[in-house]
Amino acid sequence: MSATGEPILASPAAAPAIRQIVFAVAPHLVLLDACGPLEAFWRAELELRRARGSSAEDIVAYKTRVASIEGGTLPTHVGLPVVVERLDALEDEAIDTVVVAGTFVADRMVLDPKLVAWLARIAPRVRRVCSVCVGAFYLAAAGLLDGRRATTHWRSADELARTFPTVDVDADPIFIRDVRGGRAVWTSAGVTAGIDLALALIEEDFGHAVAMQAARRLVVFMKRPGGQSQFSAALDAQHCASAEFDALHAWMTTNLHGDLSVERLAERARMSPRTFARRYVDAVGRTPAKTVEALRLEAASRALAQSHRPMKRIALDCGFGSEQNLRRAFVRRFGVPPLDYRARFASLNAG
């Protein structure tokens, strides 16, 4: 730790031509937490070779290693064992990035003190330290998240905040890059969010175009910005509601630009407006209007982050009717106007 209590990490100096990325894993590894990012780095490798007009394997951007404290055969939570290296065997090598993958959590997170100690020892020597899902607990235990903003799987966010009160836990974002004193520590939400994290790291290393092509090779629906919520408005509505409104929610997501008034929704649900409004609140826990706004805001935030479409067009396509209505809804929900939101994610725009 520094004199100010801030974790000491390596200065983000120019990265080597070959970036060695070590996935630090523990027993009962959540396989996708490691395999998703591993695949993303490999797809970026393929894209860089294509862009350079060569398929030669001597063009290497990333060298990935998967290692645990004991090494050997490691059990995973899905029952598929994997063979990994020993972490202590890698300590003398030039490591660019460490990624701590998550493990299966039943009731509470149980940490391997040897892995915590290894992270505390290796962190000052590497350019980046990252976590996927509950891997954030290991970073926190090693003192690497003290005073920093961080995220993890939404189901474990409260436990992370209780266990490590010096960490500013935010359960909402897909991933967070917290920069202090010129140093960055990355944390991400659960499971598939590790792919989003890896794509962001690739973008930092090789630019937007390479990251987007890697995403295309992975057939990822879109490259989500870190500030996007872990929670899908559509999935959240389905989780809260009974099956009674599943079909209605699916229809709403494809008709955001149309009439989604209570009267129109009630007609679609084959109920009177009064009966529909009452039953909907009982099932979902919020009014139909709140769900409509959440769905429209989610669609608008995607459009702002992933395109250069004019504000007026986005407002119309997402059902806000006017730029003024879109702006009011954005400020109410996100605390910033739409153009500020777009500027925040300007480097991620798809064009």
Protein backbone atom coordinates (compact mmCIF):
# COMPACT_ATOMS: atom_id res chain seq x y z
CA MET A 1 0.00 0.00 0.00
CA SER A 2 1.16 3.57 -0.63
CA ALA A 3 1.46 6.22 2.05
CA THR A 4 -2.01 7.45 1.12
CA GLY A 5 -3.49 3.99 1.53
CA GLU A 6 -3.86 3.49 -2.23
CA PRO A 7 -2.87 0.10 -3.68
CA ILE A 8 0.44 0.21 -5.50
CA LEU A 9 0.14 -1.07 -9.03
CA ALA A 10 2.52 -0.87 -11.92
CA SER A 11 2.41 2.31 -13.95
CA PRO A 12 0.48 1.78 -17.18
CA ALA A 13 3.55 2.19 -19.33
CA ALA A 14 3.71 1.06 -22.91
CA ALA A 15 2.71 -2.58 -23.09
CA PRO A 16 5.06 -5.14 -24.66
CA ALA A 17 4.45 -6.37 -28.21
CA ILE A 18 3.26 -9.67 -26.75
CA ARG A 19 0.96 -9.23 -23.80
CA GLN A 20 1.00 -12.16 -21.42
CA ILE A 21 -2.33 -12.52 -19.65
CA VAL A 22 -2.56 -14.80 -16.63
CA PHE A 23 -5.94 -16.09 -15.52
CA ALA A 24 -5.65 -16.75 -11.80
CA VAL A 25 -8.24 -19.41 -10.95
CA ALA A 26 -9.37 -21.38 -7.91
CA PRO A 27 -11.21 -24.70 -7.43
CA HIS A 28 -14.86 -24.72 -8.51
CA LEU A 29 -14.05 -22.20 -11.22
CA VAL A 30 -17.03 -20.81 -13.14
CA LEU A 31 -15.83 -22.03 -16.51
CA LEU A 32 -17.32 -19.26 -18.63
CA ASP A 33 -15.68 -16.60 -16.43
CA ALA A 34 -12.36 -17.77 -17.86
CA CYS A 35 -13.30 -19.34 -21.19
CA GLY A 36 -15.34 -16.36 -22.41
CA PRO A 37 -12.47 -13.84 -22.06
CA LEU A 38 -9.95 -16.41 -23.31
CA GLU A 39 -11.99 -16.83 -26.48
CA ALA A 40 -12.26 -13.05 -26.91
CA PHE A 41 -8.47 -12.61 -26.73
CA TRP A 42 -8.00 -15.43 -29.25
CA ARG A 43 -10.53 -13.88 -31.64
CA ALA A 44 -8.68 -10.58 -31.38
CA GLU A 45 -5.50 -12.46 -32.28
CA LEU A 46 -7.17 -13.82 -35.43
CA GLU A 47 -8.41 -10.36 -36.37
CA LEU A 48 -4.95 -8.82 -35.98
CA ARG A 49 -3.47 -11.51 -38.21
CA ARG A 50 -6.16 -10.91 -40.82
CA ALA A 51 -5.58 -7.15 -40.70
CA ARG A 52 -1.84 -7.67 -41.19
CA GLY A 53 -2.46 -9.96 -44.14
CA SER A 54 -0.92 -13.01 -42.52
CA SER A 55 -2.06 -16.20 -40.87
CA ALA A 56 1.40 -16.93 -39.49
CA GLU A 57 1.44 -17.95 -35.88
CA ASP A 58 4.53 -15.83 -35.25
CA ILE A 59 2.20 -12.82 -35.14
CA VAL A 60 1.26 -12.97 -31.48
CA ALA A 61 -0.59 -10.23 -29.62
CA TYR A 62 -1.68 -12.16 -26.55
CA LYS A 63 -0.17 -15.10 -24.73
CA THR A 64 -2.73 -16.47 -22.29
CA ARG A 65 -2.02 -18.75 -19.34
CA VAL A 66 -4.44 -20.31 -16.86
CA ALA A 67 -2.98 -21.11 -13.45
CA SER A 68 -3.93 -21.88 -9.86
CA ILE A 69 -2.05 -22.14 -6.59
CA GLU A 70 -1.64 -25.93 -6.75
CA GLY A 71 -1.72 -26.37 -10.54
CA GLY A 72 -2.68 -29.68 -12.13
CA THR A 73 -6.29 -30.78 -12.53
CA LEU A 74 -8.76 -28.16 -11.32
CA PRO A 75 -12.45 -28.92 -10.69
CA THR A 76 -15.01 -26.55 -12.19
CA HIS A 77 -18.52 -25.95 -10.98
CA VAL A 78 -20.06 -27.62 -14.05
CA GLY A 79 -18.08 -30.82 -13.47
CA LEU A 80 -15.63 -30.48 -16.37
CA PRO A 81 -12.07 -30.63 -14.95
CA VAL A 82 -9.37 -28.48 -16.53
CA VAL A 83 -5.58 -28.77 -16.38
CA VAL A 84 -3.83 -25.58 -15.28
CA GLU A 85 -0.34 -24.35 -14.46
CA ARG A 86 1.05 -23.32 -11.06
CA LEU A 87 0.95 -19.60 -10.32
CA ASP A 88 4.29 -19.57 -8.54
CA ALA A 89 5.95 -20.95 -11.69
CA LEU A 90 4.94 -17.77 -13.55
CA GLU A 91 6.24 -15.19 -11.09
CA ASP A 92 9.57 -14.68 -12.87
CA GLU A 93 7.89 -14.11 -16.24
CA ALA A 94 6.79 -10.79 -17.73
CA ILE A 95 3.08 -10.66 -16.92
CA ASP A 96 1.09 -7.86 -18.50
CA THR A 97 -2.40 -8.53 -17.10
CA VAL A 98 -3.87 -10.68 -14.34
CA VAL A 99 -7.51 -11.70 -14.54
CA VAL A 100 -9.10 -13.34 -11.49
CA ALA A 101 -12.01 -15.52 -12.59
CA GLY A 102 -15.01 -16.28 -10.41
CA THR A 103 -15.84 -19.43 -8.51
CA PHE A 104 -19.17 -21.00 -7.64
CA VAL A 105 -20.74 -19.41 -4.55
CA ALA A 106 -23.42 -21.26 -2.59
CA ASP A 107 -24.06 -19.26 0.59
CA ARG A 108 -21.01 -17.04 1.03
CA MET A 109 -17.71 -16.44 -0.68
CA VAL A 110 -14.81 -18.50 0.70
CA LEU A 111 -11.35 -17.26 -0.30
CA ASP A 112 -8.09 -19.14 -0.70
CA PRO A 113 -5.59 -17.14 1.39
CA LYS A 114 -2.69 -18.36 -0.77
CA LEU A 115 -4.30 -16.86 -3.88
CA VAL A 116 -4.94 -13.61 -2.01
CA ALA A 117 -1.28 -13.48 -1.00
CA TRP A 118 -0.13 -14.22 -4.56
CA LEU A 119 -2.23 -11.35 -5.93
CA ALA A 120 -0.90 -8.90 -3.35
CA ARG A 121 2.64 -9.98 -4.25
CA ILE A 122 2.27 -9.88 -8.04
CA ALA A 123 0.10 -6.76 -8.44
CA PRO A 124 2.89 -4.15 -8.23
CA ARG A 125 4.66 -5.83 -11.15
CA VAL A 126 1.83 -6.00 -13.70
CA ARG A 127 0.17 -3.40 -15.88
CA ARG A 128 -3.44 -4.36 -15.18
CA VAL A 129 -5.33 -6.34 -12.57
CA CYS A 130 -8.87 -7.43 -13.39
CA SER A 131 -11.65 -9.60 -12.01
CA VAL A 132 -14.66 -11.38 -13.42
CA CYS A 133 -17.73 -11.91 -11.24
CA VAL A 134 -16.84 -12.81 -7.63
CA GLY A 135 -13.16 -12.66 -8.50
CA ALA A 136 -13.56 -9.12 -7.14
CA PHE A 137 -13.51 -10.60 -3.63
CA TYR A 138 -9.93 -11.71 -4.21
CA LEU A 139 -8.87 -8.26 -5.42
CA ALA A 140 -10.55 -6.70 -2.39
CA ALA A 141 -8.92 -9.14 0.04
CA ALA A 142 -5.53 -8.34 -1.49
CA GLY A 143 -6.12 -4.63 -0.84
CA LEU A 144 -6.33 -3.78 -4.54
CA LEU A 145 -9.82 -2.27 -4.35
CA ASP A 146 -9.36 -0.08 -1.27
CA GLY A 147 -10.99 3.28 -1.95
CA ARG A 148 -11.95 2.22 -5.45
CA ARG A 149 -15.26 1.81 -7.22
CA ALA A 150 -15.88 -1.82 -8.19
CA THR A 151 -18.57 -4.21 -9.34
CA THR A 152 -19.31 -7.92 -9.17
CA HIS A 153 -22.23 -10.24 -9.85
CA TRP A 154 -25.36 -8.48 -8.61
CA ARG A 155 -26.20 -11.39 -6.29
CA SER A 156 -22.88 -10.98 -4.44
CA ALA A 157 -22.65 -7.17 -4.39
CA ASP A 158 -24.13 -6.74 -0.90
CA GLU A 159 -21.77 -9.35 0.55
CA LEU A 160 -18.78 -7.66 -1.11
CA ALA A 161 -19.82 -4.31 0.40
CA ARG A 162 -20.32 -5.81 3.86
CA THR A 163 -17.10 -7.80 3.84
CA PHE A 164 -14.93 -4.98 2.45
CA PRO A 165 -16.42 -1.63 3.56
CA THR A 166 -13.47 0.30 2.07
CA VAL A 167 -14.65 -0.69 -1.43
CA ASP A 168 -17.22 1.49 -3.22
CA VAL A 169 -19.43 -1.31 -4.59
CA ASP A 170 -21.74 -0.53 -7.50
CA ALA A 171 -23.91 -3.50 -8.47
CA ASP A 172 -25.27 -1.95 -11.63
CA PRO A 173 -22.54 -1.69 -14.33
CA ILE A 174 -21.38 -4.45 -16.66
CA PHE A 175 -17.78 -3.53 -15.83
CA ILE A 176 -15.86 -0.72 -14.14
CA ARG A 177 -12.44 0.71 -14.89
CA ASP A 178 -11.35 2.64 -11.82
CA VAL A 179 -8.34 4.88 -12.34
CA ARG A 180 -6.44 6.31 -9.40
CA GLY A 181 -3.08 8.00 -9.66
CA GLY A 182 -2.77 6.98 -13.29
CA ARG A 183 -3.40 3.32 -12.47
CA ALA A 184 -6.48 1.30 -13.42
CA VAL A 185 -8.12 -1.73 -11.86
CA TRP A 186 -10.93 -3.44 -13.76
CA THR A 187 -13.85 -5.36 -12.27
CA SER A 188 -16.81 -6.90 -14.06
CA ALA A 189 -20.19 -8.42 -13.38
CA GLY A 190 -20.92 -12.12 -13.65
CA VAL A 191 -20.46 -14.80 -16.30
CA THR A 192 -20.90 -13.28 -19.79
CA ALA A 193 -19.78 -9.85 -18.53
CA GLY A 194 -16.27 -11.28 -18.63
CA ILE A 195 -16.50 -11.17 -22.43
CA ASP A 196 -17.47 -7.49 -22.28
CA LEU A 197 -14.50 -6.87 -20.01
CA ALA A 198 -12.12 -8.68 -22.37
CA LEU A 199 -13.41 -6.70 -25.35
CA ALA A 200 -12.80 -3.46 -23.44
CA LEU A 201 -9.25 -4.57 -22.67
CA ILE A 202 -8.72 -5.43 -26.33
CA GLU A 203 -10.01 -2.00 -27.31
CA GLU A 204 -7.59 -0.37 -24.88
CA ASP A 205 -4.71 -2.37 -26.38
CA PHE A 206 -5.49 -2.38 -30.10
CA GLY A 207 -8.34 0.03 -30.74
CA HIS A 208 -12.04 0.02 -31.38
CA ALA A 209 -11.99 -1.71 -34.77
CA VAL A 210 -10.14 -4.79 -33.51
CA ALA A 211 -12.43 -5.10 -30.50
CA MET A 212 -15.54 -4.81 -32.65
CA GLN A 213 -14.27 -7.43 -35.10
CA ALA A 214 -13.51 -9.76 -32.20
CA ALA A 215 -17.07 -9.22 -31.00
CA ARG A 216 -18.36 -10.08 -34.47
CA ARG A 217 -16.28 -13.26 -34.56
CA LEU A 218 -17.82 -14.21 -31.21
CA VAL A 219 -21.30 -13.45 -32.62
CA VAL A 220 -21.88 -11.19 -29.63
CA PHE A 221 -25.10 -9.24 -30.12
CA MET A 222 -23.33 -5.98 -29.36
CA LYS A 223 -20.29 -4.73 -27.49
CA ARG A 224 -21.87 -3.35 -24.35
CA PRO A 225 -20.33 -0.25 -22.74
CA GLY A 226 -19.24 -0.62 -19.14
CA GLY A 227 -21.86 1.80 -17.89
CA GLN A 228 -24.70 -0.29 -19.22
CA SER A 229 -26.71 -1.90 -16.47
CA GLN A 230 -26.36 -5.58 -15.58
CA PHE A 231 -30.13 -5.63 -15.50
CA SER A 232 -32.14 -5.86 -18.72
CA ALA A 233 -35.44 -4.02 -18.39
CA ALA A 234 -37.20 -6.77 -20.34
CA LEU A 235 -35.69 -9.59 -18.27
CA ASP A 236 -36.35 -7.72 -15.07
CA ALA A 237 -40.01 -7.35 -16.00
CA GLN A 238 -40.26 -11.05 -16.83
CA HIS A 239 -38.52 -12.01 -13.58
CA CYS A 240 -40.96 -9.95 -11.51
CA ALA A 241 -44.10 -10.95 -13.36
CA SER A 242 -46.02 -14.15 -13.68
CA ALA A 243 -46.21 -15.85 -17.06
CA GLU A 244 -49.42 -13.92 -17.58
CA PHE A 245 -47.54 -10.95 -19.06
CA ASP A 246 -44.59 -12.66 -20.79
CA ALA A 247 -46.10 -12.34 -24.26
CA LEU A 248 -47.07 -8.74 -23.60
CA HIS A 249 -43.53 -7.80 -22.57
CA ALA A 250 -42.09 -9.45 -25.68
CA TRP A 251 -44.54 -7.49 -27.84
CA MET A 252 -43.69 -4.23 -26.04
CA THR A 253 -39.97 -4.58 -26.77
CA THR A 254 -40.66 -4.77 -30.53
CA ASN A 255 -43.16 -1.90 -30.54
CA LEU A 256 -41.43 0.78 -28.51
CA HIS A 257 -42.13 3.43 -31.14
CA GLY A 258 -45.88 2.77 -31.05
CA ASP A 259 -48.75 3.43 -28.69
CA LEU A 260 -47.97 1.79 -25.35
CA SER A 261 -50.61 3.53 -23.29
CA VAL A 262 -52.44 1.64 -20.56
CA GLU A 263 -55.48 1.48 -22.83
CA ARG A 264 -53.50 -0.07 -25.69
CA LEU A 265 -51.70 -2.52 -23.41
CA ALA A 266 -54.98 -3.48 -21.75
CA GLU A 267 -56.48 -4.13 -25.16
CA ARG A 268 -53.50 -6.32 -26.05
CA ALA A 269 -53.89 -8.21 -22.76
CA ARG A 270 -57.65 -8.52 -23.35
CA MET A 271 -58.59 -6.76 -20.14
CA SER A 272 -60.27 -3.53 -19.19
CA PRO A 273 -57.79 -0.71 -18.48
CA ARG A 274 -58.67 -0.68 -14.77
CA THR A 275 -58.36 -4.45 -14.36
CA PHE A 276 -55.14 -4.53 -16.38
CA ALA A 277 -53.50 -1.73 -14.39
CA ARG A 278 -54.34 -3.41 -11.08
CA ARG A 279 -53.26 -6.92 -12.10
CA TYR A 280 -50.08 -5.62 -13.72
CA VAL A 281 -48.96 -3.79 -10.58
CA ASP A 282 -49.75 -6.87 -8.48
CA ALA A 283 -47.67 -9.11 -10.76
CA VAL A 284 -44.77 -6.85 -11.73
CA GLY A 285 -44.53 -4.52 -8.75
CA ARG A 286 -44.62 -1.32 -10.78
CA THR A 287 -46.99 0.47 -13.12
CA PRO A 288 -47.14 -0.30 -16.86
CA ALA A 289 -45.84 3.23 -17.52
CA LYS A 290 -42.68 2.54 -15.48
CA THR A 291 -41.99 -0.61 -17.49
CA VAL A 292 -42.57 1.23 -20.77
CA GLU A 293 -40.12 3.97 -19.78
CA ALA A 294 -37.49 1.43 -18.64
CA LEU A 295 -37.71 -0.46 -21.95
CA ARG A 296 -37.52 2.75 -23.98
CA LEU A 297 -34.59 4.11 -21.99
CA GLU A 298 -32.70 0.84 -22.40
CA ALA A 299 -33.21 0.94 -26.17
CA ALA A 300 -32.24 4.62 -26.35
CA SER A 301 -29.06 4.11 -24.28
CA ARG A 302 -28.01 1.29 -26.63
CA ALA A 303 -28.64 3.48 -29.67
CA LEU A 304 -26.66 6.36 -28.18
CA ALA A 305 -23.69 4.17 -27.25
CA GLN A 306 -23.61 2.11 -30.43
CA SER A 307 -24.46 4.54 -33.23
CA HIS A 308 -24.26 8.10 -34.49
CA ARG A 309 -27.97 8.28 -35.23
CA PRO A 310 -29.43 11.77 -34.65
CA MET A 311 -31.12 12.40 -31.32
CA LYS A 312 -34.42 13.15 -33.02
CA ARG A 313 -34.36 9.79 -34.82
CA ILE A 314 -33.55 7.91 -31.61
CA ALA A 315 -36.32 9.71 -29.75
CA LEU A 316 -38.84 8.74 -32.41
CA ASP A 317 -37.64 5.14 -32.82
CA CYS A 318 -37.70 4.52 -29.07
CA GLY A 319 -41.13 6.05 -28.54
CA PHE A 320 -40.24 9.30 -26.77
CA GLY A 321 -41.78 11.42 -29.50
CA SER A 322 -39.35 14.33 -29.15
CA GLU A 323 -35.79 15.09 -28.13
CA GLN A 324 -37.10 17.06 -25.16
CA ASN A 325 -39.00 14.05 -23.80
CA LEU A 326 -35.95 11.84 -24.29
CA ARG A 327 -33.74 14.34 -22.47
CA ARG A 328 -36.11 14.61 -19.52
CA ALA A 329 -36.33 10.83 -19.16
CA PHE A 330 -32.53 10.45 -19.39
CA VAL A 331 -31.82 13.09 -16.75
CA ARG A 332 -34.44 11.56 -14.47
CA ARG A 333 -33.03 8.03 -14.79
CA PHE A 334 -29.26 8.51 -15.38
CA GLY A 335 -28.64 12.01 -14.02
CA VAL A 336 -27.10 13.17 -17.32
CA PRO A 337 -28.57 14.34 -20.64
CA PRO A 338 -28.39 12.01 -23.67
CA LEU A 339 -25.56 13.86 -25.38
CA ASP A 340 -23.40 13.60 -22.27
CA TYR A 341 -24.16 9.88 -22.10
CA ARG A 342 -23.12 9.50 -25.75
CA ALA A 343 -19.91 11.46 -25.17
CA ARG A 344 -19.03 9.19 -22.26
CA PHE A 345 -19.11 6.19 -24.59
CA ALA A 346 -17.82 7.98 -27.70
CA SER A 347 -14.89 5.58 -28.11
CA LEU A 348 -17.32 2.66 -28.25
CA ASN A 349 -19.59 4.04 -30.95
CA ALA A 350 -20.03 1.60 -33.81
CA GLY A 351 -20.47 4.30 -36.42
